[in-house]
Amino acid sequence: MSHRGWVRFFARFMLGLIFFMAGWHKCFVMTPLGHARFYFTGPYADTWIPHWLLLVTGTIVPVVELIAGAQLLVGLRVRDALIALGMILLLVTYGHLLKEPLFSIIDHIFPRFILLAIVFLLPAEEDRFSLDAWLSAR
């Protein structure tokens, strides 16, 4: 495997771990409804966003993180997973900036975006440790 393939593999797997573990915690420890209450409906009740939208979004985010994170770990439909997680990062960025217009994305959001960009930009065919590669070789 090339250097680019290894970098893509490491970045894909790290990003997968980050989102899978977050999704696992939010789905099976907090529960999706608990996540929605703690991070969405409570803190954003005083914003323009309707309660029903906060509730739906807050319950869907953990499931998407869990599934897309698992997809990255095994390398299945990686592009789709990256797009889903990119949307999550946009949502989280907007949410933080809505509450705090000068919020710094450096500690939490930006590192995840960098890993996402690396995986997205490096050639998929060079990442041989993925189900996508295995399926395309068959």
N, C-alpha and C. Protein backbone atom coordinates (compact mmCIF):
# COMPACT_ATOMS: atom_id res chain seq x y z
N MET A 1 0.86 -1.18 0.00
CA MET A 1 0.00 0.00 0.00
C MET A 1 0.90 1.23 0.00
N SER A 2 0.51 2.26 -0.74
CA SER A 2 1.30 3.49 -0.85
C SER A 2 1.23 4.31 0.44
N HIS A 3 2.08 5.34 0.51
CA HIS A 3 2.04 6.25 1.65
C HIS A 3 0.67 6.92 1.74
N ARG A 4 0.14 7.33 0.60
CA ARG A 4 -1.19 7.97 0.59
C ARG A 4 -2.26 7.00 1.07
N GLY A 5 -2.12 5.75 0.69
CA GLY A 5 -3.08 4.73 1.13
C GLY A 5 -3.06 4.55 2.64
N TRP A 6 -1.85 4.54 3.19
CA TRP A 6 -1.74 4.41 4.65
C TRP A 6 -2.33 5.63 5.36
N VAL A 7 -2.01 6.83 4.84
CA VAL A 7 -2.54 8.05 5.46
C VAL A 7 -4.07 8.04 5.41
N ARG A 8 -4.62 7.66 4.26
CA ARG A 8 -6.08 7.61 4.12
C ARG A 8 -6.68 6.60 5.09
N PHE A 9 -6.05 5.43 5.20
CA PHE A 9 -6.52 4.40 6.12
C PHE A 9 -6.51 4.92 7.56
N PHE A 10 -5.37 5.50 8.00
CA PHE A 10 -5.28 5.99 9.38
C PHE A 10 -6.30 7.09 9.65
N ALA A 11 -6.42 8.04 8.73
CA ALA A 11 -7.38 9.13 8.91
C ALA A 11 -8.82 8.59 8.92
N ARG A 12 -9.12 7.66 8.01
CA ARG A 12 -10.46 7.07 7.96
C ARG A 12 -10.78 6.34 9.25
N PHE A 13 -9.83 5.55 9.72
CA PHE A 13 -10.08 4.77 10.93
C PHE A 13 -10.20 5.67 12.17
N MET A 14 -9.33 6.69 12.28
CA MET A 14 -9.42 7.61 13.42
C MET A 14 -10.76 8.34 13.42
N LEU A 15 -11.16 8.86 12.27
CA LEU A 15 -12.43 9.57 12.17
C LEU A 15 -13.58 8.62 12.49
N GLY A 16 -13.48 7.39 12.00
CA GLY A 16 -14.50 6.39 12.32
C GLY A 16 -14.60 6.13 13.80
N LEU A 17 -13.46 5.99 14.47
CA LEU A 17 -13.47 5.79 15.93
C LEU A 17 -14.11 6.96 16.66
N ILE A 18 -13.72 8.16 16.27
CA ILE A 18 -14.25 9.36 16.93
C ILE A 18 -15.77 9.39 16.84
N PHE A 19 -16.30 9.22 15.64
CA PHE A 19 -17.75 9.32 15.47
C PHE A 19 -18.48 8.08 15.98
N PHE A 20 -17.91 6.90 15.78
CA PHE A 20 -18.57 5.69 16.27
C PHE A 20 -18.69 5.71 17.78
N MET A 21 -17.60 6.05 18.47
CA MET A 21 -17.64 6.07 19.93
C MET A 21 -18.57 7.14 20.46
N ALA A 22 -18.59 8.31 19.81
CA ALA A 22 -19.52 9.37 20.21
C ALA A 22 -20.96 8.89 19.99
N GLY A 23 -21.21 8.28 18.83
CA GLY A 23 -22.54 7.77 18.53
C GLY A 23 -22.96 6.67 19.49
N TRP A 24 -22.03 5.79 19.83
CA TRP A 24 -22.32 4.71 20.78
C TRP A 24 -22.75 5.29 22.12
N HIS A 25 -21.97 6.24 22.61
CA HIS A 25 -22.29 6.86 23.90
C HIS A 25 -23.65 7.55 23.84
N LYS A 26 -23.88 8.30 22.77
CA LYS A 26 -25.13 9.05 22.65
C LYS A 26 -26.34 8.14 22.44
N CYS A 27 -26.14 7.00 21.79
CA CYS A 27 -27.26 6.08 21.54
C CYS A 27 -27.53 5.15 22.72
N PHE A 28 -26.47 4.64 23.36
CA PHE A 28 -26.66 3.59 24.35
C PHE A 28 -26.42 4.00 25.79
N VAL A 29 -25.82 5.15 26.01
CA VAL A 29 -25.66 5.66 27.37
C VAL A 29 -26.64 6.81 27.60
N MET A 30 -26.54 7.84 26.76
CA MET A 30 -27.44 8.99 26.89
C MET A 30 -28.84 8.70 26.36
N THR A 31 -28.92 7.88 25.35
CA THR A 31 -30.08 7.60 24.50
C THR A 31 -30.30 8.79 23.55
N PRO A 32 -30.82 8.52 22.36
CA PRO A 32 -31.06 9.62 21.41
C PRO A 32 -31.99 10.71 21.97
N LEU A 33 -33.02 10.33 22.71
CA LEU A 33 -33.89 11.35 23.30
C LEU A 33 -33.18 12.16 24.37
N GLY A 34 -32.36 11.50 25.17
CA GLY A 34 -31.57 12.21 26.17
C GLY A 34 -30.59 13.17 25.51
N HIS A 35 -29.98 12.72 24.43
CA HIS A 35 -29.07 13.58 23.66
C HIS A 35 -29.82 14.80 23.13
N ALA A 36 -31.00 14.58 22.58
CA ALA A 36 -31.80 15.68 22.04
C ALA A 36 -32.14 16.69 23.13
N ARG A 37 -32.54 16.20 24.29
CA ARG A 37 -32.89 17.10 25.40
C ARG A 37 -31.68 17.89 25.89
N PHE A 38 -30.55 17.19 26.09
CA PHE A 38 -29.38 17.81 26.68
C PHE A 38 -28.69 18.79 25.74
N TYR A 39 -28.59 18.44 24.45
CA TYR A 39 -27.82 19.26 23.52
C TYR A 39 -28.65 20.09 22.56
N PHE A 40 -29.93 19.80 22.41
CA PHE A 40 -30.72 20.48 21.39
C PHE A 40 -31.92 21.24 21.97
N THR A 41 -32.92 20.51 22.48
CA THR A 41 -34.17 21.19 22.88
C THR A 41 -33.98 22.12 24.06
N GLY A 42 -33.12 21.75 25.00
CA GLY A 42 -32.86 22.63 26.15
C GLY A 42 -32.08 23.87 25.77
N PRO A 43 -30.86 23.71 25.28
CA PRO A 43 -30.02 24.87 24.99
C PRO A 43 -30.53 25.79 23.88
N TYR A 44 -31.31 25.24 22.94
CA TYR A 44 -31.73 26.05 21.78
C TYR A 44 -33.21 26.41 21.81
N ALA A 45 -33.84 26.26 22.98
CA ALA A 45 -35.26 26.57 23.12
C ALA A 45 -35.54 28.05 22.85
N ASP A 46 -34.57 28.90 23.10
CA ASP A 46 -34.77 30.35 22.94
C ASP A 46 -34.33 30.87 21.56
N THR A 47 -34.10 29.95 20.61
CA THR A 47 -33.68 30.36 19.27
C THR A 47 -34.87 30.29 18.31
N TRP A 48 -34.61 30.61 17.05
CA TRP A 48 -35.65 30.59 16.02
C TRP A 48 -36.08 29.17 15.63
N ILE A 49 -35.30 28.18 16.04
CA ILE A 49 -35.55 26.80 15.60
C ILE A 49 -36.72 26.20 16.37
N PRO A 50 -37.74 25.67 15.67
CA PRO A 50 -38.89 25.08 16.36
C PRO A 50 -38.51 23.84 17.17
N HIS A 51 -39.24 23.63 18.25
CA HIS A 51 -38.97 22.51 19.16
C HIS A 51 -38.96 21.17 18.42
N TRP A 52 -39.92 20.95 17.54
CA TRP A 52 -40.02 19.66 16.84
C TRP A 52 -38.77 19.40 15.99
N LEU A 53 -38.22 20.45 15.38
CA LEU A 53 -37.03 20.29 14.55
C LEU A 53 -35.79 19.99 15.42
N LEU A 54 -35.71 20.66 16.56
CA LEU A 54 -34.62 20.37 17.49
C LEU A 54 -34.70 18.93 17.98
N LEU A 55 -35.91 18.48 18.29
CA LEU A 55 -36.11 17.12 18.79
C LEU A 55 -35.74 16.08 17.73
N VAL A 56 -36.22 16.27 16.51
CA VAL A 56 -35.92 15.33 15.43
C VAL A 56 -34.42 15.31 15.14
N THR A 57 -33.84 16.48 15.00
CA THR A 57 -32.41 16.57 14.69
C THR A 57 -31.58 15.97 15.82
N GLY A 58 -31.92 16.31 17.05
CA GLY A 58 -31.17 15.81 18.20
C GLY A 58 -31.23 14.31 18.38
N THR A 59 -32.31 13.67 17.90
CA THR A 59 -32.39 12.21 18.00
C THR A 59 -31.74 11.51 16.80
N ILE A 60 -31.69 12.20 15.67
CA ILE A 60 -31.09 11.59 14.47
C ILE A 60 -29.57 11.66 14.49
N VAL A 61 -29.01 12.74 14.99
CA VAL A 61 -27.56 12.94 14.98
C VAL A 61 -26.79 11.75 15.59
N PRO A 62 -27.17 11.27 16.78
CA PRO A 62 -26.40 10.15 17.35
C PRO A 62 -26.43 8.89 16.48
N VAL A 63 -27.57 8.62 15.87
CA VAL A 63 -27.70 7.44 15.02
C VAL A 63 -26.83 7.57 13.78
N VAL A 64 -26.83 8.75 13.18
CA VAL A 64 -25.98 8.99 12.01
C VAL A 64 -24.51 8.86 12.39
N GLU A 65 -24.12 9.43 13.53
CA GLU A 65 -22.73 9.31 13.98
C GLU A 65 -22.34 7.85 14.18
N LEU A 66 -23.21 7.07 14.78
CA LEU A 66 -22.94 5.66 15.04
C LEU A 66 -22.79 4.88 13.74
N ILE A 67 -23.75 5.02 12.84
CA ILE A 67 -23.74 4.25 11.60
C ILE A 67 -22.61 4.70 10.67
N ALA A 68 -22.48 6.01 10.47
CA ALA A 68 -21.42 6.51 9.58
C ALA A 68 -20.04 6.22 10.16
N GLY A 69 -19.90 6.32 11.48
CA GLY A 69 -18.62 5.98 12.11
C GLY A 69 -18.27 4.51 11.89
N ALA A 70 -19.27 3.63 12.02
CA ALA A 70 -19.04 2.20 11.76
C ALA A 70 -18.67 1.97 10.30
N GLN A 71 -19.33 2.67 9.40
CA GLN A 71 -19.00 2.55 7.98
C GLN A 71 -17.55 2.93 7.71
N LEU A 72 -17.08 3.99 8.36
CA LEU A 72 -15.68 4.39 8.18
C LEU A 72 -14.73 3.36 8.76
N LEU A 73 -15.09 2.78 9.90
CA LEU A 73 -14.21 1.78 10.51
C LEU A 73 -13.99 0.58 9.60
N VAL A 74 -15.04 0.13 8.95
CA VAL A 74 -14.91 -1.04 8.07
C VAL A 74 -14.65 -0.66 6.62
N GLY A 75 -14.80 0.62 6.31
CA GLY A 75 -14.53 1.09 4.95
C GLY A 75 -15.64 0.77 3.96
N LEU A 76 -16.88 0.86 4.41
CA LEU A 76 -18.02 0.56 3.56
C LEU A 76 -18.78 1.84 3.20
N ARG A 77 -18.94 2.07 1.90
CA ARG A 77 -19.63 3.28 1.42
C ARG A 77 -19.05 4.53 2.10
N VAL A 78 -17.75 4.63 2.04
CA VAL A 78 -17.01 5.68 2.73
C VAL A 78 -17.45 7.07 2.28
N ARG A 79 -17.63 7.26 0.99
CA ARG A 79 -18.04 8.59 0.49
C ARG A 79 -19.37 9.02 1.10
N ASP A 80 -20.33 8.12 1.14
CA ASP A 80 -21.64 8.44 1.74
C ASP A 80 -21.50 8.79 3.22
N ALA A 81 -20.68 8.01 3.92
CA ALA A 81 -20.46 8.27 5.35
C ALA A 81 -19.80 9.63 5.56
N LEU A 82 -18.83 9.97 4.71
CA LEU A 82 -18.14 11.26 4.83
C LEU A 82 -19.11 12.42 4.60
N ILE A 83 -19.99 12.27 3.62
CA ILE A 83 -20.96 13.33 3.35
C ILE A 83 -21.90 13.49 4.54
N ALA A 84 -22.38 12.39 5.09
CA ALA A 84 -23.27 12.45 6.25
C ALA A 84 -22.57 13.13 7.43
N LEU A 85 -21.33 12.76 7.68
CA LEU A 85 -20.60 13.35 8.81
C LEU A 85 -20.22 14.80 8.54
N GLY A 86 -19.96 15.13 7.29
CA GLY A 86 -19.73 16.54 6.94
C GLY A 86 -20.95 17.38 7.25
N MET A 87 -22.13 16.84 6.96
CA MET A 87 -23.38 17.55 7.29
C MET A 87 -23.52 17.72 8.80
N ILE A 88 -23.15 16.69 9.55
CA ILE A 88 -23.18 16.78 11.02
C ILE A 88 -22.25 17.90 11.49
N LEU A 89 -21.05 17.95 10.91
CA LEU A 89 -20.09 19.00 11.29
C LEU A 89 -20.63 20.39 10.97
N LEU A 90 -21.30 20.54 9.82
CA LEU A 90 -21.92 21.83 9.49
C LEU A 90 -23.01 22.19 10.50
N LEU A 91 -23.83 21.21 10.84
CA LEU A 91 -24.91 21.43 11.81
C LEU A 91 -24.36 21.85 13.17
N VAL A 92 -23.34 21.14 13.63
CA VAL A 92 -22.74 21.45 14.93
C VAL A 92 -22.08 22.83 14.90
N THR A 93 -21.41 23.16 13.81
CA THR A 93 -20.78 24.47 13.68
C THR A 93 -21.83 25.56 13.75
N TYR A 94 -22.91 25.41 12.98
CA TYR A 94 -23.97 26.41 13.01
C TYR A 94 -24.58 26.53 14.40
N GLY A 95 -24.84 25.41 15.04
CA GLY A 95 -25.42 25.44 16.37
C GLY A 95 -24.56 26.19 17.38
N HIS A 96 -23.28 25.88 17.38
CA HIS A 96 -22.38 26.58 18.31
C HIS A 96 -22.33 28.08 18.01
N LEU A 97 -22.26 28.41 16.73
CA LEU A 97 -22.17 29.83 16.35
C LEU A 97 -23.49 30.57 16.60
N LEU A 98 -24.60 29.86 16.54
CA LEU A 98 -25.90 30.47 16.85
C LEU A 98 -25.94 30.91 18.31
N LYS A 99 -25.40 30.09 19.19
CA LYS A 99 -25.39 30.42 20.62
C LYS A 99 -24.26 31.38 20.99
N GLU A 100 -23.12 31.24 20.30
CA GLU A 100 -21.94 32.04 20.62
C GLU A 100 -21.26 32.43 19.30
N PRO A 101 -21.59 33.61 18.75
CA PRO A 101 -21.10 33.99 17.42
C PRO A 101 -19.59 33.96 17.23
N LEU A 102 -18.81 34.05 18.28
CA LEU A 102 -17.36 34.01 18.17
C LEU A 102 -16.79 32.67 18.64
N PHE A 103 -17.61 31.63 18.65
CA PHE A 103 -17.20 30.29 19.08
C PHE A 103 -16.00 29.82 18.27
N SER A 104 -15.02 29.24 18.93
CA SER A 104 -13.83 28.71 18.25
C SER A 104 -14.05 27.24 17.90
N ILE A 105 -13.91 26.92 16.63
CA ILE A 105 -14.08 25.54 16.19
C ILE A 105 -12.78 24.74 16.26
N ILE A 106 -11.72 25.35 16.75
CA ILE A 106 -10.38 24.76 16.72
C ILE A 106 -10.28 23.45 17.52
N ASP A 107 -10.86 23.39 18.70
CA ASP A 107 -10.67 22.23 19.57
C ASP A 107 -11.49 21.02 19.18
N HIS A 108 -12.68 21.21 18.70
CA HIS A 108 -13.61 20.09 18.55
C HIS A 108 -13.97 19.80 17.08
N ILE A 109 -14.39 20.79 16.36
CA ILE A 109 -14.92 20.60 15.02
C ILE A 109 -13.82 20.53 13.97
N PHE A 110 -12.87 21.44 14.03
CA PHE A 110 -11.85 21.54 12.99
C PHE A 110 -11.00 20.28 12.84
N PRO A 111 -10.54 19.65 13.93
CA PRO A 111 -9.76 18.42 13.75
C PRO A 111 -10.55 17.32 13.03
N ARG A 112 -11.83 17.22 13.33
CA ARG A 112 -12.66 16.23 12.64
C ARG A 112 -12.81 16.58 11.16
N PHE A 113 -12.94 17.87 10.88
CA PHE A 113 -13.03 18.28 9.48
C PHE A 113 -11.75 17.98 8.72
N ILE A 114 -10.61 18.19 9.35
CA ILE A 114 -9.33 17.91 8.69
C ILE A 114 -9.22 16.42 8.36
N LEU A 115 -9.57 15.56 9.32
CA LEU A 115 -9.54 14.13 9.05
C LEU A 115 -10.51 13.77 7.92
N LEU A 116 -11.70 14.37 7.94
CA LEU A 116 -12.69 14.13 6.90
C LEU A 116 -12.14 14.56 5.54
N ALA A 117 -11.53 15.72 5.47
CA ALA A 117 -10.98 16.23 4.21
C ALA A 117 -9.86 15.33 3.70
N ILE A 118 -9.03 14.86 4.59
CA ILE A 118 -7.94 13.96 4.19
C ILE A 118 -8.51 12.70 3.54
N VAL A 119 -9.48 12.10 4.20
CA VAL A 119 -10.07 10.87 3.66
C VAL A 119 -10.74 11.15 2.33
N PHE A 120 -11.45 12.27 2.26
CA PHE A 120 -12.17 12.62 1.04
C PHE A 120 -11.23 12.89 -0.13
N LEU A 121 -10.11 13.54 0.14
CA LEU A 121 -9.22 13.97 -0.94
C LEU A 121 -8.22 12.92 -1.40
N LEU A 122 -7.84 12.01 -0.53
CA LEU A 122 -6.89 10.98 -0.94
C LEU A 122 -7.61 9.88 -1.72
N PRO A 123 -6.93 9.30 -2.70
CA PRO A 123 -7.59 8.32 -3.58
C PRO A 123 -8.09 7.08 -2.84
N ALA A 124 -9.35 6.78 -3.01
CA ALA A 124 -9.98 5.64 -2.35
C ALA A 124 -9.33 4.33 -2.76
N GLU A 125 -8.91 4.23 -4.02
CA GLU A 125 -8.33 2.97 -4.50
C GLU A 125 -7.00 2.64 -3.83
N GLU A 126 -6.39 3.61 -3.16
CA GLU A 126 -5.12 3.33 -2.47
C GLU A 126 -5.33 2.84 -1.04
N ASP A 127 -6.54 2.93 -0.55
CA ASP A 127 -6.88 2.43 0.79
C ASP A 127 -7.38 0.99 0.63
N ARG A 128 -6.47 0.06 0.75
CA ARG A 128 -6.82 -1.34 0.49
C ARG A 128 -7.45 -2.04 1.68
N PHE A 129 -7.38 -1.44 2.86
CA PHE A 129 -7.97 -2.05 4.06
C PHE A 129 -9.40 -1.57 4.26
N SER A 130 -10.23 -1.75 3.27
CA SER A 130 -11.63 -1.32 3.37
C SER A 130 -12.52 -2.33 2.67
N LEU A 131 -13.75 -2.41 3.11
CA LEU A 131 -14.71 -3.26 2.41
C LEU A 131 -14.98 -2.77 1.01
N ASP A 132 -14.94 -1.45 0.83
CA ASP A 132 -15.12 -0.90 -0.52
C ASP A 132 -14.07 -1.46 -1.49
N ALA A 133 -12.82 -1.51 -1.06
CA ALA A 133 -11.74 -2.03 -1.89
C ALA A 133 -11.94 -3.51 -2.15
N TRP A 134 -12.31 -4.23 -1.11
CA TRP A 134 -12.52 -5.68 -1.23
C TRP A 134 -13.67 -5.97 -2.19
N LEU A 135 -14.77 -5.21 -2.05
CA LEU A 135 -15.93 -5.42 -2.92
C LEU A 135 -15.64 -5.04 -4.38
N SER A 136 -14.86 -3.99 -4.58
CA SER A 136 -14.55 -3.58 -5.95
C SER A 136 -13.58 -4.56 -6.63
N ALA A 137 -12.79 -5.27 -5.84
CA ALA A 137 -11.85 -6.25 -6.40
C ALA A 137 -12.55 -7.55 -6.80
N ARG A 138 -13.73 -7.76 -6.28
CA ARG A 138 -14.47 -9.01 -6.57
C ARG A 138 -15.11 -8.96 -7.87
